């Protein structure tokens, strides 16, 4: 009798656990019904993305009949869609910087998809790579100077969003003219134009998808396309953000024209009623604590205002 009661009790306990779990799953883990989910709850359905559609970079399609290309894209979609913190931060900060980058790309006649290249390069951060590449567009010092960016111990315009984006546009146009496609131009941006040119010749190929490349560049275009898909359709991938959760553009500032040396940037910040930290946030290209400016060059410094 005791064994029967124990068995009955165990079955009932299991049944109630199943009911509770099922209720929790239906209410908490269904992205299709976000209004039923507590605003602070974390939820995610683990799914594969539908690959039966057209994918392209800058209007140049991934060949759907190339299973290797499709599988490489699948890998990047899966990897990037589950980089939760990184993707959320990218979605937030893109609201600040995409409106700055987009008109510059348009001005130079470069497809808007290249804004996702900057995400792939730096996550829209003032990043420094192990090799010394810096800024949104990850210019090496020599390349940056070659495209007109000022780089010294006090100033590094690789951290100037507008100027570095213009430099990137000039470089991308050069690569497009050399290789004939936006896809190869983007691959060469990552690997270097000499490297891509050598591989094209060695392998007797004429497009990116037929090239056998190093791991990073082999994944590069697919990663950019995956980033584009996720950032264009965040809810499809389980990312829900309200407008007030996005980072606001840095628009509240006044511009001061400087042609004289500035012995102490902290004093300049204090003079204009802001902090040294905020002066650096609005002018990340000012990497030193002073501005010698022996040549009396004109600089535009942004002063944040409330």
Protein backbone atom coordinates (compact mmCIF):
# COMPACT_ATOMS: atom_id res chain seq x y z
CA UNK A 1 0.00 0.00 0.00
CA UNK A 2 2.80 2.39 0.90
CA UNK A 3 4.53 1.65 -2.43
CA UNK A 4 1.30 2.38 -4.33
CA UNK A 5 0.80 5.66 -2.46
CA UNK A 6 4.46 6.61 -3.10
CA UNK A 7 4.06 5.84 -6.81
CA UNK A 8 0.79 7.82 -7.01
CA UNK A 9 2.32 10.78 -5.18
CA UNK A 10 5.36 10.76 -7.48
CA UNK A 11 3.20 10.69 -10.61
CA UNK A 12 1.04 13.56 -9.36
CA UNK A 13 4.12 15.60 -8.45
CA UNK A 14 5.55 15.00 -11.92
CA UNK A 15 2.27 16.00 -13.52
CA UNK A 16 2.05 19.29 -11.62
CA UNK A 17 5.71 20.09 -12.42
CA UNK A 18 4.96 19.53 -16.11
CA UNK A 19 1.92 21.81 -15.95
CA UNK A 20 3.87 24.56 -14.17
CA UNK A 21 6.82 24.29 -16.57
CA UNK A 22 4.51 24.34 -19.59
CA UNK A 23 2.73 27.41 -18.27
CA UNK A 24 6.04 29.15 -17.62
CA UNK A 25 7.34 28.30 -21.10
CA UNK A 26 4.21 29.53 -22.85
CA UNK A 27 4.11 32.79 -20.91
CA UNK A 28 7.78 33.59 -20.59
CA UNK A 29 9.57 32.15 -23.60
CA UNK A 30 7.47 33.18 -26.57
CA UNK A 31 8.98 36.13 -28.46
CA UNK A 32 5.92 36.27 -30.72
CA UNK A 33 3.96 37.59 -27.72
CA UNK A 34 6.34 40.09 -26.12
CA UNK A 35 3.47 41.97 -24.48
CA UNK A 36 2.87 38.92 -22.26
CA UNK A 37 6.45 38.92 -21.05
CA UNK A 38 7.70 40.79 -18.03
CA UNK A 39 9.80 43.72 -19.30
CA UNK A 40 12.79 42.53 -17.27
CA UNK A 41 12.54 38.87 -18.33
CA UNK A 42 15.15 37.29 -20.57
CA UNK A 43 13.86 34.83 -23.14
CA UNK A 44 15.05 33.21 -26.34
CA UNK A 45 13.82 30.57 -28.74
CA UNK A 46 16.73 28.63 -30.19
CA UNK A 47 15.95 28.46 -33.90
CA UNK A 48 17.75 28.30 -37.24
CA UNK A 49 17.28 31.15 -39.69
CA UNK A 50 15.43 30.58 -42.96
CA UNK A 51 18.03 30.41 -45.73
CA UNK A 52 15.51 30.05 -48.58
CA UNK A 53 15.63 33.70 -49.58
CA UNK A 54 17.88 36.16 -51.35
CA UNK A 55 20.89 37.51 -49.50
CA UNK A 56 23.21 40.17 -50.83
CA UNK A 57 25.94 42.58 -49.95
CA UNK A 58 25.67 46.03 -51.56
CA UNK A 59 23.23 44.62 -54.12
CA UNK A 60 25.56 41.76 -55.11
CA UNK A 61 23.83 38.46 -54.39
CA UNK A 62 25.22 35.42 -52.63
CA UNK A 63 24.98 32.59 -55.20
CA UNK A 64 22.11 30.42 -53.93
CA UNK A 65 23.34 27.42 -55.93
CA UNK A 66 26.66 27.49 -54.07
CA UNK A 67 25.97 25.33 -50.99
CA UNK A 68 29.34 26.24 -49.48
CA UNK A 69 28.49 29.95 -49.57
CA UNK A 70 25.05 29.35 -48.08
CA UNK A 71 26.48 27.22 -45.26
CA UNK A 72 29.12 29.84 -44.50
CA UNK A 73 26.39 32.44 -44.24
CA UNK A 74 24.38 30.13 -42.00
CA UNK A 75 27.32 29.87 -39.64
CA UNK A 76 27.61 33.65 -39.29
CA UNK A 77 23.86 34.12 -38.86
CA UNK A 78 23.81 31.60 -36.03
CA UNK A 79 26.95 32.87 -34.32
CA UNK A 80 26.02 36.54 -34.51
CA UNK A 81 22.36 36.10 -33.62
CA UNK A 82 23.37 34.58 -30.28
CA UNK A 83 25.96 37.20 -29.36
CA UNK A 84 23.35 38.72 -27.08
CA UNK A 85 25.20 41.50 -25.27
CA UNK A 86 27.25 42.55 -28.29
CA UNK A 87 24.23 42.67 -30.59
CA UNK A 88 22.12 44.63 -28.11
CA UNK A 89 24.90 47.17 -27.66
CA UNK A 90 25.37 47.45 -31.42
CA UNK A 91 21.65 48.08 -31.91
CA UNK A 92 21.72 50.76 -29.24
CA UNK A 93 24.82 52.61 -30.45
CA UNK A 94 23.90 52.39 -34.14
CA UNK A 95 21.11 54.85 -33.38
CA UNK A 96 23.83 57.36 -32.49
CA UNK A 97 26.28 56.82 -35.32
CA UNK A 98 24.44 55.44 -38.38
CA UNK A 99 22.81 58.87 -38.99
CA UNK A 100 26.35 60.31 -39.16
CA UNK A 101 27.81 57.58 -41.39
CA UNK A 102 24.92 57.13 -43.85
CA UNK A 103 24.97 60.59 -45.50
CA UNK A 104 28.75 60.42 -45.95
CA UNK A 105 28.48 57.05 -47.69
CA UNK A 106 25.73 58.50 -49.90
CA UNK A 107 27.82 61.55 -50.70
CA UNK A 108 30.61 59.31 -52.02
CA UNK A 109 28.23 57.00 -53.90
CA UNK A 110 28.95 54.00 -51.70
CA UNK A 111 26.16 51.49 -50.90
CA UNK A 112 24.67 51.87 -47.44
CA UNK A 113 25.58 48.26 -46.62
CA UNK A 114 29.11 49.46 -45.92
CA UNK A 115 27.92 50.92 -42.63
CA UNK A 116 27.73 47.31 -41.43
CA UNK A 117 31.39 46.91 -42.36
CA UNK A 118 32.18 49.45 -39.63
CA UNK A 119 30.16 47.33 -37.19
CA UNK A 120 32.13 44.23 -38.21
CA UNK A 121 35.38 46.14 -37.82
CA UNK A 122 34.83 47.85 -34.47
CA UNK A 123 31.29 47.37 -33.13
CA UNK A 124 31.04 51.16 -33.60
CA UNK A 125 33.55 51.69 -30.82
CA UNK A 126 36.80 53.66 -30.75
CA UNK A 127 38.59 50.33 -30.80
CA UNK A 128 42.27 49.46 -31.11
CA UNK A 129 43.21 46.11 -32.65
CA UNK A 130 46.20 44.01 -31.55
CA UNK A 131 47.96 45.10 -34.76
CA UNK A 132 47.41 48.80 -33.98
CA UNK A 133 44.46 49.57 -36.27
CA UNK A 134 42.19 52.16 -34.69
CA UNK A 135 38.76 53.74 -34.82
CA UNK A 136 35.43 52.76 -36.34
CA UNK A 137 37.08 51.87 -39.64
CA UNK A 138 40.24 50.31 -38.17
CA UNK A 139 42.88 52.24 -40.10
CA UNK A 140 46.54 51.49 -39.58
CA UNK A 141 48.59 54.63 -39.01
CA UNK A 142 50.27 54.63 -42.43
CA UNK A 143 46.98 54.05 -44.28
CA UNK A 144 45.20 56.67 -42.21
CA UNK A 145 47.82 59.30 -42.98
CA UNK A 146 47.72 58.26 -46.63
CA UNK A 147 44.05 59.19 -46.74
CA UNK A 148 44.51 62.55 -45.08
CA UNK A 149 44.01 61.78 -41.38
CA UNK A 150 46.18 63.64 -38.88
CA UNK A 151 47.86 61.24 -36.47
CA UNK A 152 50.38 62.26 -33.81
CA UNK A 153 50.85 62.18 -30.04
CA UNK A 154 48.05 64.71 -29.45
CA UNK A 155 45.60 64.06 -32.28
CA UNK A 156 44.36 60.88 -33.91
CA UNK A 157 41.69 61.50 -36.52
CA UNK A 158 41.10 57.79 -36.89
CA UNK A 159 38.85 58.49 -33.90
CA UNK A 160 37.07 61.36 -35.68
CA UNK A 161 33.83 59.78 -36.92
CA UNK A 162 33.19 62.07 -39.89
CA UNK A 163 36.79 62.40 -41.07
CA UNK A 164 37.59 58.71 -40.71
CA UNK A 165 34.39 57.79 -42.55
CA UNK A 166 35.40 60.04 -45.44
CA UNK A 167 38.85 58.41 -45.48
CA UNK A 168 37.21 54.97 -45.51
CA UNK A 169 35.00 56.01 -48.42
CA UNK A 170 38.01 57.08 -50.46
CA UNK A 171 39.75 53.79 -49.75
CA UNK A 172 36.64 51.75 -50.59
CA UNK A 173 36.22 53.59 -53.92
CA UNK A 174 39.83 52.84 -54.75
CA UNK A 175 39.28 49.14 -54.01
CA UNK A 176 36.05 49.05 -56.02
CA UNK A 177 37.81 50.56 -59.03
CA UNK A 178 40.62 48.00 -58.74
CA UNK A 179 38.56 44.85 -58.21
CA UNK A 180 35.31 45.69 -59.98
CA UNK A 181 32.85 44.61 -57.29
CA UNK A 182 31.73 45.90 -53.90
CA UNK A 183 32.10 42.42 -52.41
CA UNK A 184 35.75 42.11 -53.42
CA UNK A 185 36.34 45.69 -52.30
CA UNK A 186 35.04 44.80 -48.83
CA UNK A 187 37.15 41.62 -48.73
CA UNK A 188 40.22 43.64 -49.74
CA UNK A 189 39.41 46.17 -47.01
CA UNK A 190 39.84 43.33 -44.54
CA UNK A 191 42.71 41.39 -46.09
CA UNK A 192 44.54 44.10 -48.02
CA UNK A 193 44.43 44.76 -51.73
CA UNK A 194 47.72 42.97 -52.45
CA UNK A 195 46.50 39.84 -50.68
CA UNK A 196 43.19 39.66 -52.55
CA UNK A 197 44.87 40.42 -55.89
CA UNK A 198 47.37 37.61 -55.29
CA UNK A 199 44.66 35.07 -54.39
CA UNK A 200 42.54 35.97 -57.41
CA UNK A 201 45.50 35.40 -59.69
CA UNK A 202 46.75 32.23 -57.98
CA UNK A 203 43.33 30.58 -57.86
CA UNK A 204 42.18 31.85 -61.28
CA UNK A 205 38.97 33.17 -59.71
CA UNK A 206 36.97 36.29 -60.47
CA UNK A 207 34.69 36.59 -57.43
CA UNK A 208 34.85 36.40 -53.65
CA UNK A 209 32.71 33.29 -53.23
CA UNK A 210 35.11 31.12 -55.27
CA UNK A 211 38.18 32.17 -53.31
CA UNK A 212 39.86 30.02 -50.68
CA UNK A 213 41.04 32.59 -48.14
CA UNK A 214 42.31 32.85 -44.58
CA UNK A 215 39.74 32.18 -41.84
CA UNK A 216 39.00 35.82 -41.05
CA UNK A 217 38.50 37.06 -44.61
CA UNK A 218 36.69 33.86 -45.63
CA UNK A 219 34.06 34.70 -43.00
CA UNK A 220 34.16 38.47 -43.38
CA UNK A 221 31.49 39.17 -46.01
CA UNK A 222 29.14 36.59 -44.49
CA UNK A 223 29.61 38.20 -41.09
CA UNK A 224 28.72 41.62 -42.52
CA UNK A 225 25.60 40.20 -44.17
CA UNK A 226 24.62 38.46 -40.92
CA UNK A 227 25.06 41.72 -39.00
CA UNK A 228 22.91 43.49 -41.59
CA UNK A 229 20.14 40.89 -41.35
CA UNK A 230 20.08 41.02 -37.56
CA UNK A 231 20.22 44.80 -37.28
CA UNK A 232 17.53 45.25 -39.94
CA UNK A 233 15.22 42.63 -38.37
CA UNK A 234 16.09 42.48 -34.66
CA UNK A 235 12.73 41.06 -33.55
CA UNK A 236 13.12 38.08 -35.89
CA UNK A 237 16.20 37.21 -33.89
CA UNK A 238 14.63 37.85 -30.49
CA UNK A 239 15.96 41.35 -29.81
CA UNK A 240 13.37 43.82 -28.51
CA UNK A 241 14.30 47.43 -27.78
CA UNK A 242 12.15 50.47 -27.11
CA UNK A 243 13.11 53.80 -28.68
CA UNK A 244 14.08 55.24 -25.31
CA UNK A 245 16.56 52.38 -24.83
CA UNK A 246 18.62 53.44 -27.87
CA UNK A 247 21.62 55.72 -27.43
CA UNK A 248 20.83 59.27 -28.46
CA UNK A 249 22.91 61.03 -31.14
CA UNK A 250 25.55 63.46 -29.84
CA UNK A 251 23.76 66.53 -31.13
CA UNK A 252 23.75 68.88 -28.15
CA UNK A 253 26.98 70.78 -28.62
CA UNK A 254 28.42 74.05 -29.80
CA UNK A 255 31.55 74.26 -31.95
CA UNK A 256 34.56 76.32 -30.91
CA UNK A 257 37.14 77.22 -33.55
CA UNK A 258 40.67 76.98 -32.17
CA UNK A 259 43.79 78.29 -33.92
CA UNK A 260 46.03 78.78 -30.88
CA UNK A 261 47.81 76.27 -28.64
CA UNK A 262 45.79 74.83 -25.76
CA UNK A 263 48.14 74.09 -22.84
CA UNK A 264 45.51 72.19 -20.88
CA UNK A 265 42.31 70.67 -22.28
CA UNK A 266 40.88 70.27 -18.77
CA UNK A 267 41.11 74.04 -18.34
CA UNK A 268 39.37 74.51 -21.70
CA UNK A 269 36.56 72.22 -20.57
CA UNK A 270 36.22 74.10 -17.30
CA UNK A 271 36.18 77.41 -19.17
CA UNK A 272 33.14 76.28 -21.16
CA UNK A 273 31.33 74.72 -18.22
CA UNK A 274 31.85 71.07 -19.05
CA UNK A 275 34.09 68.25 -17.83
CA UNK A 276 37.30 66.88 -19.27
CA UNK A 277 35.53 63.53 -19.67
CA UNK A 278 32.67 65.00 -21.71
CA UNK A 279 35.11 66.99 -23.85
CA UNK A 280 36.78 63.69 -24.74
CA UNK A 281 33.45 61.96 -25.40
CA UNK A 282 32.49 64.61 -27.95
CA UNK A 283 36.05 64.86 -29.35
CA UNK A 284 37.66 61.39 -29.09
CA UNK A 285 40.24 62.43 -31.68
CA UNK A 286 41.87 64.67 -29.03
CA UNK A 287 44.01 61.90 -27.55
CA UNK A 288 46.43 64.11 -25.57
CA UNK A 289 45.84 66.39 -22.59
CA UNK A 290 46.96 69.47 -24.53
CA UNK A 291 47.09 70.80 -28.09
CA UNK A 292 50.47 72.27 -29.04
CA UNK A 293 49.36 73.45 -32.50
CA UNK A 294 52.65 75.07 -33.49
CA UNK A 295 51.42 75.52 -37.07
CA UNK A 296 48.33 77.45 -35.92
CA UNK A 297 46.05 75.01 -37.72
CA UNK A 298 42.29 75.49 -37.39
CA UNK A 299 40.53 72.86 -35.29
CA UNK A 300 36.84 72.53 -34.57
CA UNK A 301 36.23 71.37 -31.01
CA UNK A 302 32.75 70.37 -29.90
CA UNK A 303 31.64 71.65 -26.53
CA UNK A 304 28.66 69.75 -25.07
CA UNK A 305 25.73 71.83 -23.89
CA UNK A 306 22.81 70.82 -21.69
